[in-house]
N, C-alpha and C. Protein backbone atom coordinates (compact mmCIF):
# COMPACT_ATOMS: atom_id res chain seq x y z
N MET A 1 5.19 -3.12 20.04
CA MET A 1 5.35 -3.71 19.17
C MET A 1 4.35 -4.80 18.80
N VAL A 2 4.00 -5.73 18.26
CA VAL A 2 2.71 -6.36 17.89
C VAL A 2 3.10 -7.45 16.96
N GLN A 3 2.22 -8.16 16.78
CA GLN A 3 2.26 -9.33 16.00
C GLN A 3 1.38 -9.37 14.99
N LEU A 4 2.18 -9.31 13.58
CA LEU A 4 0.79 -9.46 12.23
C LEU A 4 1.27 -10.71 11.53
N GLU A 5 -0.05 -10.87 10.98
CA GLU A 5 -0.12 -12.39 9.91
C GLU A 5 -0.68 -11.95 9.22
N TYR A 6 -0.54 -12.14 7.56
CA TYR A 6 -1.33 -11.76 6.34
C TYR A 6 -1.99 -13.42 6.16
N ARG A 7 -3.28 -13.39 5.89
CA ARG A 7 -3.77 -14.93 5.57
C ARG A 7 -4.80 -14.43 4.51
N LEU A 8 -4.66 -15.64 3.58
CA LEU A 8 -5.48 -15.95 2.54
C LEU A 8 -6.97 -15.95 2.60
N LEU A 9 -7.71 -15.20 2.02
CA LEU A 9 -9.41 -15.28 2.55
C LEU A 9 -9.45 -16.42 1.70
N ASN A 10 -9.79 -17.37 2.50
CA ASN A 10 -9.92 -18.86 1.91
C ASN A 10 -10.41 -20.00 2.73
N GLU A 11 -12.01 -19.45 3.07
CA GLU A 11 -12.44 -20.20 3.88
C GLU A 11 -12.63 -21.62 4.11
N GLU A 12 -12.86 -22.20 2.77
CA GLU A 12 -12.60 -23.38 2.53
C GLU A 12 -11.41 -24.01 3.35
N ASN A 13 -10.26 -23.70 2.86
CA ASN A 13 -8.56 -24.16 3.88
C ASN A 13 -8.66 -23.44 5.00
N GLY A 14 -9.80 -23.02 5.69
CA GLY A 14 -9.42 -22.32 7.33
C GLY A 14 -8.46 -21.01 7.05
N PHE A 15 -8.25 -20.12 6.14
CA PHE A 15 -7.91 -18.69 6.12
C PHE A 15 -6.00 -19.15 6.18
N PRO A 16 -5.67 -19.78 5.29
CA PRO A 16 -3.96 -19.93 5.80
C PRO A 16 -3.47 -18.79 6.00
N ALA A 17 -2.46 -19.30 6.53
CA ALA A 17 -1.67 -18.02 6.81
C ALA A 17 -0.19 -17.84 5.69
N LEU A 18 -0.40 -16.92 5.43
CA LEU A 18 0.77 -16.47 4.18
C LEU A 18 2.43 -15.82 4.81
N TYR A 19 2.13 -14.81 5.70
CA TYR A 19 3.32 -14.39 5.71
C TYR A 19 3.01 -13.62 7.35
N GLY A 20 4.17 -14.07 8.16
CA GLY A 20 3.68 -13.65 9.70
C GLY A 20 5.31 -12.78 9.97
N TYR A 21 5.03 -11.78 10.69
CA TYR A 21 5.81 -10.77 11.39
C TYR A 21 5.98 -11.06 13.23
N GLU A 22 6.84 -11.41 13.79
CA GLU A 22 6.82 -11.64 14.87
C GLU A 22 6.56 -10.06 15.65
N ARG A 23 7.95 -9.17 15.46
CA ARG A 23 7.74 -7.67 16.08
C ARG A 23 7.37 -6.96 15.45
N ILE A 24 6.28 -5.99 15.35
CA ILE A 24 6.34 -4.85 14.00
C ILE A 24 5.53 -3.94 14.56
N PRO A 25 6.26 -2.25 14.79
CA PRO A 25 5.55 -1.37 15.40
C PRO A 25 4.10 -1.45 14.97
N LYS A 26 3.60 -0.53 16.35
CA LYS A 26 2.04 -0.54 15.90
C LYS A 26 1.32 0.33 14.93
N ASP A 27 2.34 1.41 14.56
CA ASP A 27 2.33 2.13 13.34
C ASP A 27 2.30 1.99 12.01
N GLU A 28 3.00 0.70 11.92
CA GLU A 28 3.65 0.32 10.70
C GLU A 28 2.04 -0.72 10.42
N VAL A 29 1.51 -1.41 11.32
CA VAL A 29 0.71 -2.00 11.22
C VAL A 29 -0.61 -1.42 10.84
N ILE A 30 -1.00 -0.04 11.26
CA ILE A 30 -2.09 0.28 11.04
C ILE A 30 -1.41 1.33 9.88
N VAL A 31 -0.72 1.44 9.18
CA VAL A 31 -0.37 1.59 7.59
C VAL A 31 -1.01 0.69 6.71
N ARG A 32 -0.14 -0.60 7.46
CA ARG A 32 -0.81 -1.78 6.63
C ARG A 32 -1.99 -2.31 6.59
N CYS A 33 -2.98 -1.93 7.52
CA CYS A 33 -4.49 -2.06 7.26
C CYS A 33 -5.20 -1.64 6.41
N LEU A 34 -4.37 0.15 6.07
CA LEU A 34 -4.70 1.01 5.41
C LEU A 34 -4.24 0.68 3.82
N CYS A 35 -4.04 -0.24 3.80
CA CYS A 35 -3.95 -0.30 2.18
C CYS A 35 -4.72 -1.36 1.52
N ASP A 36 -4.79 -1.06 -0.02
CA ASP A 36 -5.45 -1.44 -0.34
C ASP A 36 -5.00 -2.81 -1.40
N TYR A 37 -3.49 -2.81 -1.17
CA TYR A 37 -2.89 -3.81 -1.91
C TYR A 37 -1.75 -3.80 -1.45
N PHE A 38 -1.22 -5.06 -1.40
CA PHE A 38 -0.02 -5.20 -0.71
C PHE A 38 0.75 -7.07 -1.61
N ILE A 39 1.69 -6.35 -2.00
CA ILE A 39 2.95 -7.24 -3.14
C ILE A 39 4.08 -7.60 -2.21
N LYS A 40 4.13 -8.70 -2.58
CA LYS A 40 5.58 -9.91 -1.93
C LYS A 40 5.74 -10.62 -2.65
N GLU A 41 6.74 -10.74 -3.08
CA GLU A 41 7.62 -12.18 -3.87
C GLU A 41 6.66 -11.97 -5.28
N GLY A 42 6.36 -11.08 -5.76
CA GLY A 42 6.39 -10.74 -7.06
C GLY A 42 4.67 -10.51 -7.23
N ILE A 43 3.46 -11.18 -6.16
CA ILE A 43 2.35 -11.65 -5.93
C ILE A 43 1.58 -10.57 -5.58
N VAL A 44 0.69 -9.81 -6.48
CA VAL A 44 -0.09 -8.80 -5.98
C VAL A 44 -1.39 -9.38 -5.13
N TYR A 45 -1.72 -8.82 -4.00
CA TYR A 45 -3.02 -9.36 -3.28
C TYR A 45 -3.71 -8.29 -3.08
N GLU A 46 -4.75 -8.39 -3.05
CA GLU A 46 -6.22 -7.07 -2.61
C GLU A 46 -6.17 -7.20 -0.97
N VAL A 47 -6.11 -6.56 -0.17
CA VAL A 47 -6.29 -6.74 1.33
C VAL A 47 -7.89 -6.33 1.18
N THR A 48 -8.86 -7.50 1.73
CA THR A 48 -10.31 -7.23 2.00
C THR A 48 -10.68 -6.93 3.40
N SER A 49 -9.62 -7.19 4.59
CA SER A 49 -10.19 -6.96 5.83
C SER A 49 -9.02 -7.24 6.86
N SER A 50 -9.79 -6.47 8.29
CA SER A 50 -8.55 -7.21 9.15
C SER A 50 -9.30 -7.33 10.32
N ALA A 51 -8.58 -8.21 11.19
CA ALA A 51 -8.83 -8.35 12.38
C ALA A 51 -8.35 -8.39 13.89
N LYS A 52 -8.42 -8.56 14.98
CA LYS A 52 -7.79 -8.09 15.96
C LYS A 52 -8.07 -9.24 16.56
N GLU A 53 -7.37 -10.48 16.83
CA GLU A 53 -7.27 -11.73 17.53
C GLU A 53 -6.17 -11.50 19.09
N ASN A 54 -6.44 -11.73 19.98
CA ASN A 54 -5.88 -11.49 21.05
C ASN A 54 -4.85 -10.36 20.79
N PHE A 55 -3.63 -11.47 20.89
CA PHE A 55 -2.16 -10.28 20.72
C PHE A 55 -1.51 -10.41 19.10
N LEU A 56 -2.64 -10.64 18.15
CA LEU A 56 -2.15 -10.76 16.85
C LEU A 56 -3.07 -10.19 16.29
N GLN A 57 -2.73 -9.20 15.07
CA GLN A 57 -3.32 -8.54 14.33
C GLN A 57 -3.07 -9.13 12.91
N VAL A 58 -4.55 -9.27 12.41
CA VAL A 58 -4.77 -10.08 11.02
C VAL A 58 -4.86 -9.13 10.02
N ILE A 59 -4.45 -9.46 8.87
CA ILE A 59 -4.91 -8.42 7.60
C ILE A 59 -5.23 -9.92 6.26
N TYR A 60 -6.24 -9.98 6.15
CA TYR A 60 -7.27 -10.90 5.09
C TYR A 60 -6.88 -10.25 3.48
N VAL A 61 -6.41 -11.03 2.77
CA VAL A 61 -6.12 -10.69 1.75
C VAL A 61 -6.47 -11.88 0.45
N LYS A 62 -6.89 -11.46 -0.82
CA LYS A 62 -7.24 -12.29 -1.92
C LYS A 62 -6.18 -12.15 -3.01
N LYS A 63 -5.58 -13.21 -3.60
CA LYS A 63 -4.68 -13.26 -4.88
C LYS A 63 -5.21 -12.64 -6.23
N LEU A 64 -4.84 -11.52 -6.62
CA LEU A 64 -5.27 -11.12 -7.79
C LEU A 64 -4.74 -11.57 -9.01
N GLU A 65 -3.93 -12.15 -9.11
CA GLU A 65 -3.33 -13.27 -10.35
C GLU A 65 -2.10 -14.43 -9.79
N ASP A 66 -2.07 -15.29 -10.40
CA ASP A 66 -1.39 -16.61 -9.66
C ASP A 66 0.05 -16.32 -10.25
N ASN A 67 0.02 -15.44 -11.73
CA ASN A 67 1.05 -15.23 -12.03
C ASN A 67 2.05 -14.00 -11.42
N PRO A 68 3.68 -14.47 -10.89
CA PRO A 68 4.13 -12.74 -10.22
C PRO A 68 4.29 -11.87 -10.99
N HIS A 69 4.09 -10.64 -10.74
CA HIS A 69 3.92 -9.59 -11.69
C HIS A 69 5.80 -9.59 -11.83
N PRO A 70 6.02 -9.17 -12.95
CA PRO A 70 7.29 -8.56 -13.40
C PRO A 70 8.16 -8.17 -11.96
N GLN A 71 9.22 -8.04 -12.00
CA GLN A 71 9.75 -7.25 -11.14
C GLN A 71 10.26 -5.84 -11.52
N THR A 72 10.06 -4.82 -10.63
CA THR A 72 10.38 -3.18 -11.17
C THR A 72 11.74 -3.16 -10.28
N PRO A 73 12.39 -2.22 -10.79
CA PRO A 73 13.78 -2.01 -10.12
C PRO A 73 13.28 -1.33 -8.62
N GLY A 74 13.95 -1.39 -7.44
CA GLY A 74 13.41 -0.53 -6.64
C GLY A 74 14.08 0.59 -6.30
N GLN A 75 13.67 0.99 -5.10
CA GLN A 75 14.07 2.23 -4.69
C GLN A 75 15.21 2.06 -3.82
N ILE A 76 16.12 3.51 -3.82
CA ILE A 76 17.36 3.04 -2.77
C ILE A 76 16.75 3.61 -1.59
N THR A 77 16.46 2.64 -0.08
CA THR A 77 16.10 3.13 0.94
C THR A 77 16.98 3.25 1.81
N GLY A 78 18.41 3.89 1.45
CA GLY A 78 19.71 3.78 2.81
C GLY A 78 19.05 4.98 3.30
N MET A 79 19.83 5.43 4.37
CA MET A 79 19.39 6.31 5.55
C MET A 79 18.27 5.78 6.74
N GLY A 80 17.49 4.91 6.10
CA GLY A 80 16.62 4.51 7.17
C GLY A 80 15.04 5.59 6.64
N TYR A 81 15.23 5.83 5.73
CA TYR A 81 13.74 6.56 5.04
C TYR A 81 12.50 5.79 4.88
N ILE A 82 11.32 6.35 5.14
CA ILE A 82 9.98 5.20 4.43
C ILE A 82 9.90 6.12 3.11
N LEU A 83 9.56 5.38 2.18
CA LEU A 83 9.26 6.00 0.76
C LEU A 83 7.74 5.77 0.57
N LEU A 84 6.97 6.78 0.02
CA LEU A 84 6.21 6.86 -0.68
C LEU A 84 6.27 7.74 -1.87
N GLU A 85 5.74 6.69 -2.90
CA GLU A 85 5.49 6.96 -4.30
C GLU A 85 4.47 7.99 -4.53
N LEU A 86 4.24 9.45 -5.21
CA LEU A 86 2.85 9.09 -5.92
C LEU A 86 2.59 9.25 -7.18
N ARG A 87 1.86 8.13 -7.34
CA ARG A 87 1.53 7.91 -8.57
C ARG A 87 0.59 7.92 -9.53
N GLU A 88 0.72 8.52 -10.83
CA GLU A 88 -0.54 9.03 -11.43
C GLU A 88 -1.46 7.70 -12.07
N PHE A 89 -2.84 7.30 -11.49
CA PHE A 89 -4.03 6.47 -12.05
C PHE A 89 -4.47 7.09 -13.33
N GLN A 90 -4.24 5.60 -14.18
CA GLN A 90 -4.81 6.74 -15.54
C GLN A 90 -5.67 5.20 -15.54
N GLU A 91 -6.66 4.72 -15.96
CA GLU A 91 -7.69 3.75 -16.70
C GLU A 91 -7.16 3.03 -17.80
N GLU A 92 -6.88 1.81 -17.56
CA GLU A 92 -6.43 0.81 -18.26
C GLU A 92 -4.95 0.90 -18.83
N ALA A 93 -4.06 1.30 -17.52
CA ALA A 93 -2.54 1.78 -17.83
C ALA A 93 -2.05 0.34 -17.68
N GLU A 94 -1.14 -0.08 -18.26
CA GLU A 94 -0.26 -1.21 -17.78
C GLU A 94 0.77 -0.55 -17.15
N SER A 95 1.41 0.75 -16.52
CA SER A 95 1.77 0.99 -15.79
C SER A 95 1.39 2.30 -15.27
N TYR A 96 1.87 2.79 -14.05
CA TYR A 96 1.50 4.07 -13.62
C TYR A 96 2.65 5.14 -13.40
N PRO A 97 2.66 6.18 -13.98
CA PRO A 97 3.68 7.08 -13.84
C PRO A 97 4.30 7.40 -12.23
N VAL A 98 5.37 7.39 -11.74
CA VAL A 98 5.85 8.36 -10.71
C VAL A 98 5.78 9.33 -11.00
N MET A 99 4.94 10.39 -9.99
CA MET A 99 5.43 11.88 -9.96
C MET A 99 6.04 12.44 -9.25
N LYS A 100 6.11 11.91 -8.03
CA LYS A 100 7.03 12.23 -7.12
C LYS A 100 7.62 10.84 -5.88
N THR A 101 8.63 10.81 -5.40
CA THR A 101 8.82 10.21 -4.29
C THR A 101 8.97 11.13 -3.16
N LEU A 102 8.30 10.54 -1.88
CA LEU A 102 8.45 11.29 -0.98
C LEU A 102 9.13 11.03 0.30
N GLU A 103 10.66 11.23 0.68
CA GLU A 103 10.58 10.35 2.12
C GLU A 103 10.32 10.89 3.14
N PHE A 104 10.32 9.92 4.10
CA PHE A 104 9.40 10.25 5.66
C PHE A 104 10.54 9.52 6.74
N GLY A 105 10.80 10.17 7.55
CA GLY A 105 11.67 9.60 8.73
C GLY A 105 10.42 9.05 9.95
N ASN A 106 9.45 8.77 9.47
CA ASN A 106 8.62 8.25 10.73
C ASN A 106 7.17 7.77 10.16
N MET A 107 6.28 6.49 10.80
CA MET A 107 5.45 6.47 10.20
C MET A 107 4.16 7.45 10.40
N GLN A 108 4.22 8.03 11.32
CA GLN A 108 3.11 9.03 10.98
C GLN A 108 2.79 9.89 10.41
N ASP A 109 4.10 10.48 9.68
CA ASP A 109 3.78 11.24 8.65
C ASP A 109 3.33 10.84 7.35
N LEU A 110 3.83 9.11 7.21
CA LEU A 110 2.81 8.59 6.05
C LEU A 110 1.51 8.71 6.01
N LEU A 111 1.21 8.20 7.64
CA LEU A 111 -0.07 7.97 7.74
C LEU A 111 -1.07 9.13 7.69
N LEU A 112 -0.37 10.39 7.67
CA LEU A 112 -1.32 11.36 7.43
C LEU A 112 -1.46 11.34 5.61
N TYR A 113 -0.82 10.99 5.07
CA TYR A 113 -1.01 10.66 3.23
C TYR A 113 -2.01 9.42 3.08
N ALA A 114 -2.05 8.47 4.29
CA ALA A 114 -2.50 7.32 3.54
C ALA A 114 -3.79 7.31 4.29
N VAL A 115 -4.46 8.60 4.80
CA VAL A 115 -5.74 8.64 5.77
C VAL A 115 -6.39 9.68 4.88
N SER A 116 -5.79 10.31 3.68
CA SER A 116 -6.29 11.27 3.07
C SER A 116 -7.31 10.66 2.13
N GLN A 117 -7.87 11.36 1.71
CA GLN A 117 -8.76 11.24 0.40
C GLN A 117 -8.42 11.91 -0.97
N TYR A 118 -7.47 13.30 -0.45
CA TYR A 118 -7.62 14.39 -1.25
C TYR A 118 -5.99 14.62 -0.94
N ILE A 119 -5.09 14.94 -1.71
CA ILE A 119 -3.89 15.87 -1.86
C ILE A 119 -3.71 16.70 -2.58
N ASP A 120 -2.99 17.79 -1.82
CA ASP A 120 -2.64 19.20 -2.95
C ASP A 120 -1.28 18.62 -3.10
N PHE A 121 -0.98 18.55 -5.00
CA PHE A 121 0.24 18.60 -5.53
C PHE A 121 0.28 19.14 -6.60
N GLN A 122 1.28 19.66 -7.17
CA GLN A 122 1.73 20.17 -8.19
C GLN A 122 0.53 21.24 -8.54
N ASP A 123 0.25 21.70 -7.39
CA ASP A 123 -0.60 23.24 -7.58
C ASP A 123 -2.31 22.66 -7.93
N CYS A 124 -2.60 21.50 -7.44
CA CYS A 124 -3.89 20.91 -8.31
C CYS A 124 -4.41 19.61 -7.10
N GLU A 125 -5.64 19.42 -6.91
CA GLU A 125 -6.41 18.79 -5.85
C GLU A 125 -6.53 17.24 -7.40
N TRP A 126 -5.86 16.39 -6.01
CA TRP A 126 -5.59 15.20 -6.67
C TRP A 126 -6.40 14.09 -5.80
N GLU A 127 -7.26 12.97 -5.95
CA GLU A 127 -8.08 12.14 -5.66
C GLU A 127 -7.39 10.93 -5.22
N ARG A 128 -7.40 10.26 -4.34
CA ARG A 128 -6.83 9.17 -4.06
C ARG A 128 -7.27 7.75 -4.48
N THR A 129 -7.01 6.58 -5.19
CA THR A 129 -7.74 5.96 -6.01
C THR A 129 -7.17 4.71 -5.23
N SER A 130 -6.06 4.47 -4.66
CA SER A 130 -5.67 3.12 -3.82
C SER A 130 -4.32 3.61 -3.01
N PHE A 131 -3.63 2.67 -2.33
CA PHE A 131 -2.74 2.90 -1.24
C PHE A 131 -1.94 1.25 -1.49
N GLU A 132 -0.92 1.04 -1.55
CA GLU A 132 -0.24 -0.35 -1.38
C GLU A 132 1.13 -0.22 -0.83
N ILE A 133 1.43 -1.41 -0.40
CA ILE A 133 2.44 -1.65 0.05
C ILE A 133 3.59 -2.69 -0.74
N ASP A 134 4.55 -2.07 -1.40
CA ASP A 134 5.14 -3.43 -2.09
C ASP A 134 6.52 -3.69 -1.58
N GLU A 135 6.21 -4.75 -0.90
CA GLU A 135 7.55 -5.13 0.36
C GLU A 135 8.74 -5.47 -1.28
N ASP A 136 8.60 -6.21 -1.68
CA ASP A 136 9.49 -6.17 -2.92
C ASP A 136 10.95 -5.42 -3.16
N ARG A 137 10.03 -4.01 -3.10
CA ARG A 137 10.76 -2.65 -3.70
C ARG A 137 10.82 -1.93 -2.31
N GLN A 138 10.38 -2.55 -1.06
CA GLN A 138 10.08 -2.00 0.08
C GLN A 138 9.79 0.12 -0.34
N VAL A 139 8.58 0.20 -0.65
CA VAL A 139 8.15 1.20 -1.00
C VAL A 139 6.56 1.40 -0.91
N PHE A 140 6.10 2.17 -0.48
CA PHE A 140 4.48 2.49 -0.36
C PHE A 140 4.02 3.20 -1.69
N SER A 141 2.96 3.14 -2.15
CA SER A 141 2.82 3.96 -3.36
C SER A 141 1.24 4.47 -3.31
N LEU A 142 0.90 5.65 -3.65
CA LEU A 142 -0.54 6.48 -3.58
C LEU A 142 -0.72 6.88 -4.69
N TYR A 143 -1.88 5.77 -5.28
CA TYR A 143 -2.22 6.37 -6.77
C TYR A 143 -3.20 6.97 -6.79
N LEU A 144 -3.48 8.37 -7.41
CA LEU A 144 -4.00 9.50 -7.86
C LEU A 144 -4.48 10.09 -8.95
N LYS A 145 -5.77 10.03 -9.16
CA LYS A 145 -6.08 10.95 -10.13
C LYS A 145 -6.34 12.24 -10.04
N LYS A 146 -6.35 13.45 -10.63
CA LYS A 146 -6.75 14.73 -10.67
C LYS A 146 -8.05 14.66 -9.96
N SER A 147 -8.86 15.34 -9.49
CA SER A 147 -10.06 15.49 -8.84
C SER A 147 -10.82 16.07 -10.02
N GLU A 148 -12.09 16.03 -9.72
CA GLU A 148 -12.85 16.26 -10.66
C GLU A 148 -13.10 17.50 -10.84
N LYS A 149 -13.37 18.33 -9.84
CA LYS A 149 -13.17 19.76 -9.87
C LYS A 149 -11.99 20.19 -10.51
N GLU A 150 -10.54 19.56 -10.10
CA GLU A 150 -9.09 19.96 -11.41
C GLU A 150 -10.16 19.59 -13.08
N GLU A 151 -10.24 18.30 -13.19
CA GLU A 151 -10.84 17.90 -14.63
C GLU A 151 -11.52 19.13 -14.85
N GLY A 152 -12.70 19.70 -14.41
CA GLY A 152 -13.61 20.74 -14.98
C GLY A 152 -12.42 21.97 -15.84
N VAL A 153 -11.42 22.64 -14.50
CA VAL A 153 -10.78 23.66 -15.11
C VAL A 153 -10.03 23.62 -16.20
N LYS A 154 -9.85 22.77 -16.94
CA LYS A 154 -9.28 22.37 -18.21
C LYS A 154 -9.60 22.92 -19.46
């Protein structure tokens, strides 16, 4: 277990701490460091970097919007599963359809998706566009688009 802190990327104000976690599993910290976006209390943050400070892992973020996102209904997380939504990324879309929700019993299985640039799904090759953690809904989301190779097959 390690200590994790999210800090706002704002040098003028001394990189203020936004959220802290006293005891969090190391593999979850690794997954969080791989995320492109972090959502908490309806606010979407872009992950900019991470740092190791003695016994503290720090993730720096910048706020993408000042207005909170509307809350979307959450997934049922019972049984202790880790949820990953595979969502289809579409340019200029207001929402991205969930193609499938996967359940994992441990973070290592999620990590295999988080570190992959390409995913074989629905008999097609999909390319990762971004990865996020939505703490409000207790779910990770992997945004995918059909790879250029697959687009040429049409």
